Amino acid sequence: FSSGTTNYADSVKGRFTISRDNAKKKVSLQMSSLKPEDTAVYYCNA
Protein backbone atom coordinates (compact mmCIF):
# COMPACT_ATOMS: atom_id res chain seq x y z
CA PHE A 1 0.00 0.00 0.00
CA SER A 2 1.00 3.64 -0.34
CA SER A 3 1.67 3.62 3.41
CA GLY A 4 4.27 0.93 2.91
CA THR A 5 2.22 -1.81 4.52
CA THR A 6 2.75 -5.18 2.86
CA ASN A 7 0.98 -8.51 2.81
CA TYR A 8 2.14 -11.83 1.40
CA ALA A 9 0.66 -15.17 0.51
CA ASP A 10 1.66 -17.80 3.05
CA SER A 11 3.42 -19.78 0.33
CA VAL A 12 5.94 -16.98 -0.32
CA LYS A 13 6.45 -15.45 3.13
CA GLY A 14 10.12 -15.23 3.99
CA ARG A 15 11.16 -15.80 0.38
CA PHE A 16 9.61 -12.92 -1.57
CA THR A 17 9.89 -9.20 -0.88
CA ILE A 18 7.75 -6.51 -2.48
CA SER A 19 8.96 -2.93 -2.66
CA ARG A 20 7.65 0.24 -4.21
CA ASP A 21 8.77 3.61 -5.53
CA ASN A 22 5.66 5.74 -5.09
CA ALA A 23 7.00 8.72 -6.99
CA LYS A 24 7.79 6.66 -10.05
CA LYS A 25 4.78 4.33 -9.87
CA LYS A 26 7.09 1.33 -9.79
CA VAL A 27 6.90 -1.88 -7.83
CA SER A 28 9.36 -4.75 -7.63
CA LEU A 29 9.18 -8.32 -6.41
CA GLN A 30 12.41 -9.89 -5.22
CA MET A 31 12.01 -13.66 -5.27
CA SER A 32 14.51 -15.89 -3.50
CA SER A 33 14.79 -19.62 -2.84
CA LEU A 34 12.54 -20.25 -5.80
CA LYS A 35 10.71 -23.55 -6.03
CA PRO A 36 9.19 -25.39 -9.01
CA GLU A 37 5.75 -24.59 -7.60
CA ASP A 38 6.49 -20.89 -8.08
CA THR A 39 6.30 -21.46 -11.82
CA ALA A 40 3.54 -19.25 -13.21
CA VAL A 41 2.73 -16.16 -15.18
CA TYR A 42 3.17 -13.21 -12.84
CA TYR A 43 0.91 -10.19 -13.24
CA CYS A 44 1.29 -6.71 -11.85
CA ASN A 45 -1.83 -4.87 -10.69
CA ALA A 46 -2.23 -1.21 -9.82
ModelCIF file with pLDDT and N, C-alpha, C, O atoms, coordinates in Angstrom:
data_MODEL
#
_entry.id   MODEL 
#
_entity.id                         1 
_entity.type                       polymer 
_entity.pdbx_number_of_molecules   1 
#
_entity_poly.entity_id                      1 
_entity_poly.type                           'polypeptide(L)' 
_entity_poly.nstd_linkage                   no 
_entity_poly.nstd_monomer                   no 
_entity_poly.pdbx_seq_one_letter_code       FSSGTTNYADSVKGRFTISRDNAKKKVSLQMSSLKPEDTAVYYCNA 
_entity_poly.pdbx_seq_one_letter_code_can   FSSGTTNYADSVKGRFTISRDNAKKKVSLQMSSLKPEDTAVYYCNA 
_entity_poly.pdbx_strand_id                 A 
#
loop_
_entity_poly_seq.entity_id 
_entity_poly_seq.num 
_entity_poly_seq.mon_id 
_entity_poly_seq.hetero 
1 1  PHE n 
1 2  SER n 
1 3  SER n 
1 4  GLY n 
1 5  THR n 
1 6  THR n 
1 7  ASN n 
1 8  TYR n 
1 9  ALA n 
1 10 ASP n 
1 11 SER n 
1 12 VAL n 
1 13 LYS n 
1 14 GLY n 
1 15 ARG n 
1 16 PHE n 
1 17 THR n 
1 18 ILE n 
1 19 SER n 
1 20 ARG n 
1 21 ASP n 
1 22 ASN n 
1 23 ALA n 
1 24 LYS n 
1 25 LYS n 
1 26 LYS n 
1 27 VAL n 
1 28 SER n 
1 29 LEU n 
1 30 GLN n 
1 31 MET n 
1 32 SER n 
1 33 SER n 
1 34 LEU n 
1 35 LYS n 
1 36 PRO n 
1 37 GLU n 
1 38 ASP n 
1 39 THR n 
1 40 ALA n 
1 41 VAL n 
1 42 TYR n 
1 43 TYR n 
1 44 CYS n 
1 45 ASN n 
1 46 ALA n 
#
_struct_asym.id          A 
_struct_asym.entity_id   1 
#
loop_
_ma_qa_metric.id 
_ma_qa_metric.mode 
_ma_qa_metric.name 
_ma_qa_metric.software_group_id 
_ma_qa_metric.type 
1 global pLDDT . pLDDT 
2 local  pLDDT . pLDDT 
#
_ma_qa_metric_global.metric_id      1 
_ma_qa_metric_global.metric_value   94.83 
_ma_qa_metric_global.model_id       1 
_ma_qa_metric_global.ordinal_id     1 
#
loop_
_ma_qa_metric_local.label_asym_id 
_ma_qa_metric_local.label_comp_id 
_ma_qa_metric_local.label_seq_id 
_ma_qa_metric_local.metric_id 
_ma_qa_metric_local.metric_value 
_ma_qa_metric_local.model_id 
_ma_qa_metric_local.ordinal_id 
A PHE 1  2 93.00 1 1  
A SER 2  2 88.00 1 2  
A SER 3  2 89.00 1 3  
A GLY 4  2 91.00 1 4  
A THR 5  2 96.00 1 5  
A THR 6  2 97.00 1 6  
A ASN 7  2 98.00 1 7  
A TYR 8  2 98.00 1 8  
A ALA 9  2 98.00 1 9  
A ASP 10 2 98.00 1 10 
A SER 11 2 97.00 1 11 
A VAL 12 2 98.00 1 12 
A LYS 13 2 98.00 1 13 
A GLY 14 2 97.00 1 14 
A ARG 15 2 98.00 1 15 
A PHE 16 2 98.00 1 16 
A THR 17 2 98.00 1 17 
A ILE 18 2 98.00 1 18 
A SER 19 2 96.00 1 19 
A ARG 20 2 92.00 1 20 
A ASP 21 2 86.00 1 21 
A ASN 22 2 74.00 1 22 
A ALA 23 2 76.00 1 23 
A LYS 24 2 77.00 1 24 
A LYS 25 2 89.00 1 25 
A LYS 26 2 94.00 1 26 
A VAL 27 2 96.00 1 27 
A SER 28 2 97.00 1 28 
A LEU 29 2 98.00 1 29 
A GLN 30 2 98.00 1 30 
A MET 31 2 98.00 1 31 
A SER 32 2 98.00 1 32 
A SER 33 2 98.00 1 33 
A LEU 34 2 98.00 1 34 
A LYS 35 2 98.00 1 35 
A PRO 36 2 97.00 1 36 
A GLU 37 2 97.00 1 37 
A ASP 38 2 98.00 1 38 
A THR 39 2 98.00 1 39 
A ALA 40 2 98.00 1 40 
A VAL 41 2 98.00 1 41 
A TYR 42 2 98.00 1 42 
A TYR 43 2 98.00 1 43 
A CYS 44 2 97.00 1 44 
A ASN 45 2 97.00 1 45 
A ALA 46 2 95.00 1 46 
#
loop_
_atom_site.group_PDB 
_atom_site.id 
_atom_site.type_symbol 
_atom_site.label_atom_id 
_atom_site.label_alt_id 
_atom_site.label_comp_id 
_atom_site.label_asym_id 
_atom_site.label_entity_id 
_atom_site.label_seq_id 
_atom_site.pdbx_PDB_ins_code 
_atom_site.Cartn_x 
_atom_site.Cartn_y 
_atom_site.Cartn_z 
_atom_site.occupancy 
_atom_site.B_iso_or_equiv 
_atom_site.pdbx_formal_charge 
_atom_site.auth_seq_id 
_atom_site.auth_comp_id 
_atom_site.auth_asym_id 
_atom_site.auth_atom_id 
_atom_site.pdbx_PDB_model_num 
ATOM 1   N N  . PHE A 1 1  ? 0.834  -1.189  0.000   1.00 93.00 ? 1  PHE A N  1 
ATOM 2   C CA . PHE A 1 1  ? 0.000  0.000   0.000   1.00 93.00 ? 1  PHE A CA 1 
ATOM 3   C C  . PHE A 1 1  ? 0.878  1.251   0.000   1.00 93.00 ? 1  PHE A C  1 
ATOM 4   O O  . PHE A 1 1  ? 2.082  1.186   0.247   1.00 93.00 ? 1  PHE A O  1 
ATOM 5   N N  . SER A 1 2  ? 0.249  2.380   -0.281  1.00 88.00 ? 2  SER A N  1 
ATOM 6   C CA . SER A 1 2  ? 0.997  3.635   -0.343  1.00 88.00 ? 2  SER A CA 1 
ATOM 7   C C  . SER A 1 2  ? 1.648  3.966   0.996   1.00 88.00 ? 2  SER A C  1 
ATOM 8   O O  . SER A 1 2  ? 2.633  4.703   1.047   1.00 88.00 ? 2  SER A O  1 
ATOM 9   N N  . SER A 1 3  ? 1.097  3.423   2.077   1.00 89.00 ? 3  SER A N  1 
ATOM 10  C CA . SER A 1 3  ? 1.671  3.625   3.410   1.00 89.00 ? 3  SER A CA 1 
ATOM 11  C C  . SER A 1 3  ? 2.938  2.823   3.623   1.00 89.00 ? 3  SER A C  1 
ATOM 12  O O  . SER A 1 3  ? 3.714  3.091   4.540   1.00 89.00 ? 3  SER A O  1 
ATOM 13  N N  . GLY A 1 4  ? 3.140  1.828   2.756   1.00 91.00 ? 4  GLY A N  1 
ATOM 14  C CA . GLY A 1 4  ? 4.274  0.934   2.911   1.00 91.00 ? 4  GLY A CA 1 
ATOM 15  C C  . GLY A 1 4  ? 3.913  -0.413  3.515   1.00 91.00 ? 4  GLY A C  1 
ATOM 16  O O  . GLY A 1 4  ? 4.739  -1.324  3.561   1.00 91.00 ? 4  GLY A O  1 
ATOM 17  N N  . THR A 1 5  ? 2.681  -0.532  3.976   1.00 96.00 ? 5  THR A N  1 
ATOM 18  C CA . THR A 1 5  ? 2.218  -1.808  4.522   1.00 96.00 ? 5  THR A CA 1 
ATOM 19  C C  . THR A 1 5  ? 2.228  -2.878  3.439   1.00 96.00 ? 5  THR A C  1 
ATOM 20  O O  . THR A 1 5  ? 1.843  -2.628  2.297   1.00 96.00 ? 5  THR A O  1 
ATOM 21  N N  . THR A 1 6  ? 2.674  -4.070  3.812   1.00 97.00 ? 6  THR A N  1 
ATOM 22  C CA . THR A 1 6  ? 2.745  -5.176  2.860   1.00 97.00 ? 6  THR A CA 1 
ATOM 23  C C  . THR A 1 6  ? 2.013  -6.406  3.397   1.00 97.00 ? 6  THR A C  1 
ATOM 24  O O  . THR A 1 6  ? 1.872  -6.595  4.605   1.00 97.00 ? 6  THR A O  1 
ATOM 25  N N  . ASN A 1 7  ? 1.562  -7.220  2.474   1.00 98.00 ? 7  ASN A N  1 
ATOM 26  C CA . ASN A 1 7  ? 0.978  -8.513  2.815   1.00 98.00 ? 7  ASN A CA 1 
ATOM 27  C C  . ASN A 1 7  ? 1.461  -9.533  1.787   1.00 98.00 ? 7  ASN A C  1 
ATOM 28  O O  . ASN A 1 7  ? 1.661  -9.213  0.615   1.00 98.00 ? 7  ASN A O  1 
ATOM 29  N N  . TYR A 1 8  ? 1.642  -10.771 2.256   1.00 98.00 ? 8  TYR A N  1 
ATOM 30  C CA . TYR A 1 8  ? 2.140  -11.830 1.400   1.00 98.00 ? 8  TYR A CA 1 
ATOM 31  C C  . TYR A 1 8  ? 1.289  -13.090 1.524   1.00 98.00 ? 8  TYR A C  1 
ATOM 32  O O  . TYR A 1 8  ? 0.694  -13.364 2.567   1.00 98.00 ? 8  TYR A O  1 
ATOM 33  N N  . ALA A 1 9  ? 1.249  -13.842 0.439   1.00 98.00 ? 9  ALA A N  1 
ATOM 34  C CA . ALA A 1 9  ? 0.657  -15.168 0.511   1.00 98.00 ? 9  ALA A CA 1 
ATOM 35  C C  . ALA A 1 9  ? 1.527  -16.030 1.414   1.00 98.00 ? 9  ALA A C  1 
ATOM 36  O O  . ALA A 1 9  ? 2.747  -15.865 1.451   1.00 98.00 ? 9  ALA A O  1 
ATOM 37  N N  . ASP A 1 10 ? 0.901  -16.945 2.138   1.00 98.00 ? 10 ASP A N  1 
ATOM 38  C CA . ASP A 1 10 ? 1.660  -17.799 3.053   1.00 98.00 ? 10 ASP A CA 1 
ATOM 39  C C  . ASP A 1 10 ? 2.754  -18.574 2.322   1.00 98.00 ? 10 ASP A C  1 
ATOM 40  O O  . ASP A 1 10 ? 3.821  -18.830 2.880   1.00 98.00 ? 10 ASP A O  1 
ATOM 41  N N  . SER A 1 11 ? 2.487  -18.937 1.090   1.00 97.00 ? 11 SER A N  1 
ATOM 42  C CA . SER A 1 11 ? 3.416  -19.778 0.335   1.00 97.00 ? 11 SER A CA 1 
ATOM 43  C C  . SER A 1 11 ? 4.712  -19.050 -0.019  1.00 97.00 ? 11 SER A C  1 
ATOM 44  O O  . SER A 1 11 ? 5.696  -19.695 -0.380  1.00 97.00 ? 11 SER A O  1 
ATOM 45  N N  . VAL A 1 12 ? 4.731  -17.721 0.077   1.00 98.00 ? 12 VAL A N  1 
ATOM 46  C CA . VAL A 1 12 ? 5.941  -16.983 -0.316  1.00 98.00 ? 12 VAL A CA 1 
ATOM 47  C C  . VAL A 1 12 ? 6.552  -16.188 0.832   1.00 98.00 ? 12 VAL A C  1 
ATOM 48  O O  . VAL A 1 12 ? 7.600  -15.565 0.662   1.00 98.00 ? 12 VAL A O  1 
ATOM 49  N N  . LYS A 1 13 ? 5.918  -16.202 1.986   1.00 98.00 ? 13 LYS A N  1 
ATOM 50  C CA . LYS A 1 13 ? 6.451  -15.451 3.131   1.00 98.00 ? 13 LYS A CA 1 
ATOM 51  C C  . LYS A 1 13 ? 7.873  -15.906 3.457   1.00 98.00 ? 13 LYS A C  1 
ATOM 52  O O  . LYS A 1 13 ? 8.172  -17.100 3.506   1.00 98.00 ? 13 LYS A O  1 
ATOM 53  N N  . GLY A 1 14 ? 8.731  -14.925 3.677   1.00 97.00 ? 14 GLY A N  1 
ATOM 54  C CA . GLY A 1 14 ? 10.119 -15.231 3.995   1.00 97.00 ? 14 GLY A CA 1 
ATOM 55  C C  . GLY A 1 14 ? 10.997 -15.452 2.784   1.00 97.00 ? 14 GLY A C  1 
ATOM 56  O O  . GLY A 1 14 ? 12.221 -15.511 2.907   1.00 97.00 ? 14 GLY A O  1 
ATOM 57  N N  . ARG A 1 15 ? 10.386 -15.575 1.607   1.00 98.00 ? 15 ARG A N  1 
ATOM 58  C CA . ARG A 1 15 ? 11.164 -15.804 0.381   1.00 98.00 ? 15 ARG A CA 1 
ATOM 59  C C  . ARG A 1 15 ? 11.037 -14.640 -0.600  1.00 98.00 ? 15 ARG A C  1 
ATOM 60  O O  . ARG A 1 15 ? 11.987 -14.322 -1.316  1.00 98.00 ? 15 ARG A O  1 
ATOM 61  N N  . PHE A 1 16 ? 9.873  -14.011 -0.633  1.00 98.00 ? 16 PHE A N  1 
ATOM 62  C CA . PHE A 1 16 ? 9.608  -12.920 -1.570  1.00 98.00 ? 16 PHE A CA 1 
ATOM 63  C C  . PHE A 1 16 ? 9.523  -11.597 -0.810  1.00 98.00 ? 16 PHE A C  1 
ATOM 64  O O  . PHE A 1 16 ? 9.059  -11.550 0.329   1.00 98.00 ? 16 PHE A O  1 
ATOM 65  N N  . THR A 1 17 ? 9.977  -10.527 -1.458  1.00 98.00 ? 17 THR A N  1 
ATOM 66  C CA . THR A 1 17 ? 9.886  -9.199  -0.876  1.00 98.00 ? 17 THR A CA 1 
ATOM 67  C C  . THR A 1 17 ? 9.373  -8.223  -1.925  1.00 98.00 ? 17 THR A C  1 
ATOM 68  O O  . THR A 1 17 ? 9.936  -8.109  -3.014  1.00 98.00 ? 17 THR A O  1 
ATOM 69  N N  . ILE A 1 18 ? 8.297  -7.521  -1.582  1.00 98.00 ? 18 ILE A N  1 
ATOM 70  C CA . ILE A 1 18 ? 7.747  -6.514  -2.483  1.00 98.00 ? 18 ILE A CA 1 
ATOM 71  C C  . ILE A 1 18 ? 8.196  -5.137  -2.016  1.00 98.00 ? 18 ILE A C  1 
ATOM 72  O O  . ILE A 1 18 ? 8.222  -4.851  -0.819  1.00 98.00 ? 18 ILE A O  1 
ATOM 73  N N  . SER A 1 19 ? 8.548  -4.286  -2.981  1.00 96.00 ? 19 SER A N  1 
ATOM 74  C CA . SER A 1 19 ? 8.960  -2.932  -2.656  1.00 96.00 ? 19 SER A CA 1 
ATOM 75  C C  . SER A 1 19 ? 8.380  -1.982  -3.704  1.00 96.00 ? 19 SER A C  1 
ATOM 76  O O  . SER A 1 19 ? 7.972  -2.396  -4.789  1.00 96.00 ? 19 SER A O  1 
ATOM 77  N N  . ARG A 1 20 ? 8.357  -0.702  -3.348  1.00 92.00 ? 20 ARG A N  1 
ATOM 78  C CA . ARG A 1 20 ? 7.654  0.239   -4.209  1.00 92.00 ? 20 ARG A CA 1 
ATOM 79  C C  . ARG A 1 20 ? 8.349  1.597   -4.217  1.00 92.00 ? 20 ARG A C  1 
ATOM 80  O O  . ARG A 1 20 ? 8.880  2.048   -3.202  1.00 92.00 ? 20 ARG A O  1 
ATOM 81  N N  . ASP A 1 21 ? 8.333  2.228   -5.368  1.00 86.00 ? 21 ASP A N  1 
ATOM 82  C CA . ASP A 1 21 ? 8.768  3.613   -5.526  1.00 86.00 ? 21 ASP A CA 1 
ATOM 83  C C  . ASP A 1 21 ? 7.532  4.414   -5.873  1.00 86.00 ? 21 ASP A C  1 
ATOM 84  O O  . ASP A 1 21 ? 7.126  4.460   -7.034  1.00 86.00 ? 21 ASP A O  1 
ATOM 85  N N  . ASN A 1 22 ? 6.929  5.047   -4.875  1.00 74.00 ? 22 ASN A N  1 
ATOM 86  C CA . ASN A 1 22 ? 5.656  5.737   -5.095  1.00 74.00 ? 22 ASN A CA 1 
ATOM 87  C C  . ASN A 1 22 ? 5.765  6.841   -6.150  1.00 74.00 ? 22 ASN A C  1 
ATOM 88  O O  . ASN A 1 22 ? 4.880  7.005   -6.990  1.00 74.00 ? 22 ASN A O  1 
ATOM 89  N N  . ALA A 1 23 ? 6.859  7.588   -6.090  1.00 76.00 ? 23 ALA A N  1 
ATOM 90  C CA . ALA A 1 23 ? 6.997  8.721   -6.993  1.00 76.00 ? 23 ALA A CA 1 
ATOM 91  C C  . ALA A 1 23 ? 7.054  8.282   -8.449  1.00 76.00 ? 23 ALA A C  1 
ATOM 92  O O  . ALA A 1 23 ? 6.584  8.992   -9.338  1.00 76.00 ? 23 ALA A O  1 
ATOM 93  N N  . LYS A 1 24 ? 7.626  7.120   -8.684  1.00 77.00 ? 24 LYS A N  1 
ATOM 94  C CA . LYS A 1 24 ? 7.791  6.656   -10.053 1.00 77.00 ? 24 LYS A CA 1 
ATOM 95  C C  . LYS A 1 24 ? 6.770  5.613   -10.458 1.00 77.00 ? 24 LYS A C  1 
ATOM 96  O O  . LYS A 1 24 ? 6.847  5.066   -11.558 1.00 77.00 ? 24 LYS A O  1 
ATOM 97  N N  . LYS A 1 25 ? 5.806  5.328   -9.578  1.00 89.00 ? 25 LYS A N  1 
ATOM 98  C CA . LYS A 1 25 ? 4.779  4.330   -9.871  1.00 89.00 ? 25 LYS A CA 1 
ATOM 99  C C  . LYS A 1 25 ? 5.414  3.000   -10.276 1.00 89.00 ? 25 LYS A C  1 
ATOM 100 O O  . LYS A 1 25 ? 4.993  2.370   -11.246 1.00 89.00 ? 25 LYS A O  1 
ATOM 101 N N  . LYS A 1 26 ? 6.414  2.589   -9.535  1.00 94.00 ? 26 LYS A N  1 
ATOM 102 C CA . LYS A 1 26 ? 7.086  1.333   -9.791  1.00 94.00 ? 26 LYS A CA 1 
ATOM 103 C C  . LYS A 1 26 ? 6.972  0.406   -8.587  1.00 94.00 ? 26 LYS A C  1 
ATOM 104 O O  . LYS A 1 26 ? 6.959  0.848   -7.439  1.00 94.00 ? 26 LYS A O  1 
ATOM 105 N N  . VAL A 1 27 ? 6.890  -0.885  -8.877  1.00 96.00 ? 27 VAL A N  1 
ATOM 106 C CA . VAL A 1 27 ? 6.897  -1.881  -7.828  1.00 96.00 ? 27 VAL A CA 1 
ATOM 107 C C  . VAL A 1 27 ? 7.784  -3.040  -8.276  1.00 96.00 ? 27 VAL A C  1 
ATOM 108 O O  . VAL A 1 27 ? 7.824  -3.384  -9.457  1.00 96.00 ? 27 VAL A O  1 
ATOM 109 N N  . SER A 1 28 ? 8.484  -3.631  -7.329  1.00 97.00 ? 28 SER A N  1 
ATOM 110 C CA . SER A 1 28 ? 9.361  -4.754  -7.629  1.00 97.00 ? 28 SER A CA 1 
ATOM 111 C C  . SER A 1 28 ? 9.021  -5.930  -6.728  1.00 97.00 ? 28 SER A C  1 
ATOM 112 O O  . SER A 1 28 ? 8.466  -5.764  -5.642  1.00 97.00 ? 28 SER A O  1 
ATOM 113 N N  . LEU A 1 29 ? 9.361  -7.103  -7.194  1.00 98.00 ? 29 LEU A N  1 
ATOM 114 C CA . LEU A 1 29 ? 9.183  -8.319  -6.415  1.00 98.00 ? 29 LEU A CA 1 
ATOM 115 C C  . LEU A 1 29 ? 10.492 -9.097  -6.450  1.00 98.00 ? 29 LEU A C  1 
ATOM 116 O O  . LEU A 1 29 ? 10.862 -9.656  -7.482  1.00 98.00 ? 29 LEU A O  1 
ATOM 117 N N  . GLN A 1 30 ? 11.182 -9.129  -5.331  1.00 98.00 ? 30 GLN A N  1 
ATOM 118 C CA . GLN A 1 30 ? 12.412 -9.892  -5.220  1.00 98.00 ? 30 GLN A CA 1 
ATOM 119 C C  . GLN A 1 30 ? 12.050 -11.292 -4.746  1.00 98.00 ? 30 GLN A C  1 
ATOM 120 O O  . GLN A 1 30 ? 11.491 -11.473 -3.664  1.00 98.00 ? 30 GLN A O  1 
ATOM 121 N N  . MET A 1 31 ? 12.376 -12.274 -5.572  1.00 98.00 ? 31 MET A N  1 
ATOM 122 C CA . MET A 1 31 ? 12.015 -13.657 -5.272  1.00 98.00 ? 31 MET A CA 1 
ATOM 123 C C  . MET A 1 31 ? 13.282 -14.462 -5.015  1.00 98.00 ? 31 MET A C  1 
ATOM 124 O O  . MET A 1 31 ? 14.182 -14.504 -5.855  1.00 98.00 ? 31 MET A O  1 
ATOM 125 N N  . SER A 1 32 ? 13.347 -15.095 -3.859  1.00 98.00 ? 32 SER A N  1 
ATOM 126 C CA . SER A 1 32 ? 14.510 -15.891 -3.495  1.00 98.00 ? 32 SER A CA 1 
ATOM 127 C C  . SER A 1 32 ? 14.078 -17.322 -3.172  1.00 98.00 ? 32 SER A C  1 
ATOM 128 O O  . SER A 1 32 ? 12.900 -17.606 -2.955  1.00 98.00 ? 32 SER A O  1 
ATOM 129 N N  . SER A 1 33 ? 15.063 -18.201 -3.149  1.00 98.00 ? 33 SER A N  1 
ATOM 130 C CA . SER A 1 33 ? 14.793 -19.615 -2.839  1.00 98.00 ? 33 SER A CA 1 
ATOM 131 C C  . SER A 1 33 ? 13.612 -20.136 -3.648  1.00 98.00 ? 33 SER A C  1 
ATOM 132 O O  . SER A 1 33 ? 12.687 -20.744 -3.109  1.00 98.00 ? 33 SER A O  1 
ATOM 133 N N  . LEU A 1 34 ? 13.661 -19.888 -4.936  1.00 98.00 ? 34 LEU A N  1 
ATOM 134 C CA . LEU A 1 34 ? 12.542 -20.251 -5.803  1.00 98.00 ? 34 LEU A CA 1 
ATOM 135 C C  . LEU A 1 34 ? 12.353 -21.761 -5.871  1.00 98.00 ? 34 LEU A C  1 
ATOM 136 O O  . LEU A 1 34 ? 13.309 -22.535 -5.833  1.00 98.00 ? 34 LEU A O  1 
ATOM 137 N N  . LYS A 1 35 ? 11.084 -22.151 -5.975  1.00 98.00 ? 35 LYS A N  1 
ATOM 138 C CA . LYS A 1 35 ? 10.707 -23.551 -6.028  1.00 98.00 ? 35 LYS A CA 1 
ATOM 139 C C  . LYS A 1 35 ? 9.968  -23.831 -7.340  1.00 98.00 ? 35 LYS A C  1 
ATOM 140 O O  . LYS A 1 35 ? 9.423  -22.910 -7.947  1.00 98.00 ? 35 LYS A O  1 
ATOM 141 N N  . PRO A 1 36 ? 9.944  -25.075 -7.776  1.00 97.00 ? 36 PRO A N  1 
ATOM 142 C CA . PRO A 1 36 ? 9.193  -25.388 -9.010  1.00 97.00 ? 36 PRO A CA 1 
ATOM 143 C C  . PRO A 1 36 ? 7.733  -24.954 -8.929  1.00 97.00 ? 36 PRO A C  1 
ATOM 144 O O  . PRO A 1 36 ? 7.142  -24.581 -9.942  1.00 97.00 ? 36 PRO A O  1 
ATOM 145 N N  . GLU A 1 37 ? 7.153  -24.999 -7.745  1.00 97.00 ? 37 GLU A N  1 
ATOM 146 C CA . GLU A 1 37 ? 5.752  -24.593 -7.599  1.00 97.00 ? 37 GLU A CA 1 
ATOM 147 C C  . GLU A 1 37 ? 5.534  -23.090 -7.721  1.00 97.00 ? 37 GLU A C  1 
ATOM 148 O O  . GLU A 1 37 ? 4.392  -22.629 -7.728  1.00 97.00 ? 37 GLU A O  1 
ATOM 149 N N  . ASP A 1 38 ? 6.614  -22.322 -7.817  1.00 98.00 ? 38 ASP A N  1 
ATOM 150 C CA . ASP A 1 38 ? 6.494  -20.889 -8.077  1.00 98.00 ? 38 ASP A CA 1 
ATOM 151 C C  . ASP A 1 38 ? 6.331  -20.602 -9.568  1.00 98.00 ? 38 ASP A C  1 
ATOM 152 O O  . ASP A 1 38 ? 6.096  -19.461 -9.966  1.00 98.00 ? 38 ASP A O  1 
ATOM 153 N N  . THR A 1 39 ? 6.457  -21.630 -10.375 1.00 98.00 ? 39 THR A N  1 
ATOM 154 C CA . THR A 1 39 ? 6.299  -21.461 -11.817 1.00 98.00 ? 39 THR A CA 1 
ATOM 155 C C  . THR A 1 39 ? 4.894  -20.969 -12.147 1.00 98.00 ? 39 THR A C  1 
ATOM 156 O O  . THR A 1 39 ? 3.900  -21.578 -11.752 1.00 98.00 ? 39 THR A O  1 
ATOM 157 N N  . ALA A 1 40 ? 4.827  -19.863 -12.874 1.00 98.00 ? 40 ALA A N  1 
ATOM 158 C CA . ALA A 1 40 ? 3.540  -19.253 -13.208 1.00 98.00 ? 40 ALA A CA 1 
ATOM 159 C C  . ALA A 1 40 ? 3.776  -18.021 -14.070 1.00 98.00 ? 40 ALA A C  1 
ATOM 160 O O  . ALA A 1 40 ? 4.908  -17.577 -14.261 1.00 98.00 ? 40 ALA A O  1 
ATOM 161 N N  . VAL A 1 41 ? 2.687  -17.488 -14.577 1.00 98.00 ? 41 VAL A N  1 
ATOM 162 C CA . VAL A 1 41 ? 2.731  -16.157 -15.179 1.00 98.00 ? 41 VAL A CA 1 
ATOM 163 C C  . VAL A 1 41 ? 2.437  -15.161 -14.054 1.00 98.00 ? 41 VAL A C  1 
ATOM 164 O O  . VAL A 1 41 ? 1.435  -15.281 -13.349 1.00 98.00 ? 41 VAL A O  1 
ATOM 165 N N  . TYR A 1 42 ? 3.306  -14.198 -13.904 1.00 98.00 ? 42 TYR A N  1 
ATOM 166 C CA . TYR A 1 42 ? 3.170  -13.209 -12.842 1.00 98.00 ? 42 TYR A CA 1 
ATOM 167 C C  . TYR A 1 42 ? 2.623  -11.908 -13.422 1.00 98.00 ? 42 TYR A C  1 
ATOM 168 O O  . TYR A 1 42 ? 3.131  -11.386 -14.414 1.00 98.00 ? 42 TYR A O  1 
ATOM 169 N N  . TYR A 1 43 ? 1.582  -11.402 -12.780 1.00 98.00 ? 43 TYR A N  1 
ATOM 170 C CA . TYR A 1 43 ? 0.907  -10.191 -13.240 1.00 98.00 ? 43 TYR A CA 1 
ATOM 171 C C  . TYR A 1 43 ? 1.033  -9.083  -12.203 1.00 98.00 ? 43 TYR A C  1 
ATOM 172 O O  . TYR A 1 43 ? 0.918  -9.314  -10.999 1.00 98.00 ? 43 TYR A O  1 
ATOM 173 N N  . CYS A 1 44 ? 1.269  -7.892  -12.697 1.00 97.00 ? 44 CYS A N  1 
ATOM 174 C CA . CYS A 1 44 ? 1.290  -6.713  -11.846 1.00 97.00 ? 44 CYS A CA 1 
ATOM 175 C C  . CYS A 1 44 ? -0.079 -6.040  -11.917 1.00 97.00 ? 44 CYS A C  1 
ATOM 176 O O  . CYS A 1 44 ? -0.690 -5.955  -12.983 1.00 97.00 ? 44 CYS A O  1 
ATOM 177 N N  . ASN A 1 45 ? -0.545 -5.567  -10.773 1.00 97.00 ? 45 ASN A N  1 
ATOM 178 C CA . ASN A 1 45 ? -1.831 -4.866  -10.693 1.00 97.00 ? 45 ASN A CA 1 
ATOM 179 C C  . ASN A 1 45 ? -1.655 -3.557  -9.940  1.00 97.00 ? 45 ASN A C  1 
ATOM 180 O O  . ASN A 1 45 ? -0.997 -3.500  -8.901  1.00 97.00 ? 45 ASN A O  1 
ATOM 181 N N  . ALA A 1 46 ? -2.253 -2.515  -10.483 1.00 95.00 ? 46 ALA A N  1 
ATOM 182 C CA . ALA A 1 46 ? -2.226 -1.210  -9.824  1.00 95.00 ? 46 ALA A CA 1 
ATOM 183 C C  . ALA A 1 46 ? -3.649 -0.728  -9.627  1.00 95.00 ? 46 ALA A C  1 
ATOM 184 O O  . ALA A 1 46 ? -3.863 0.358   -9.087  1.00 95.00 ? 46 ALA A O  1 
#
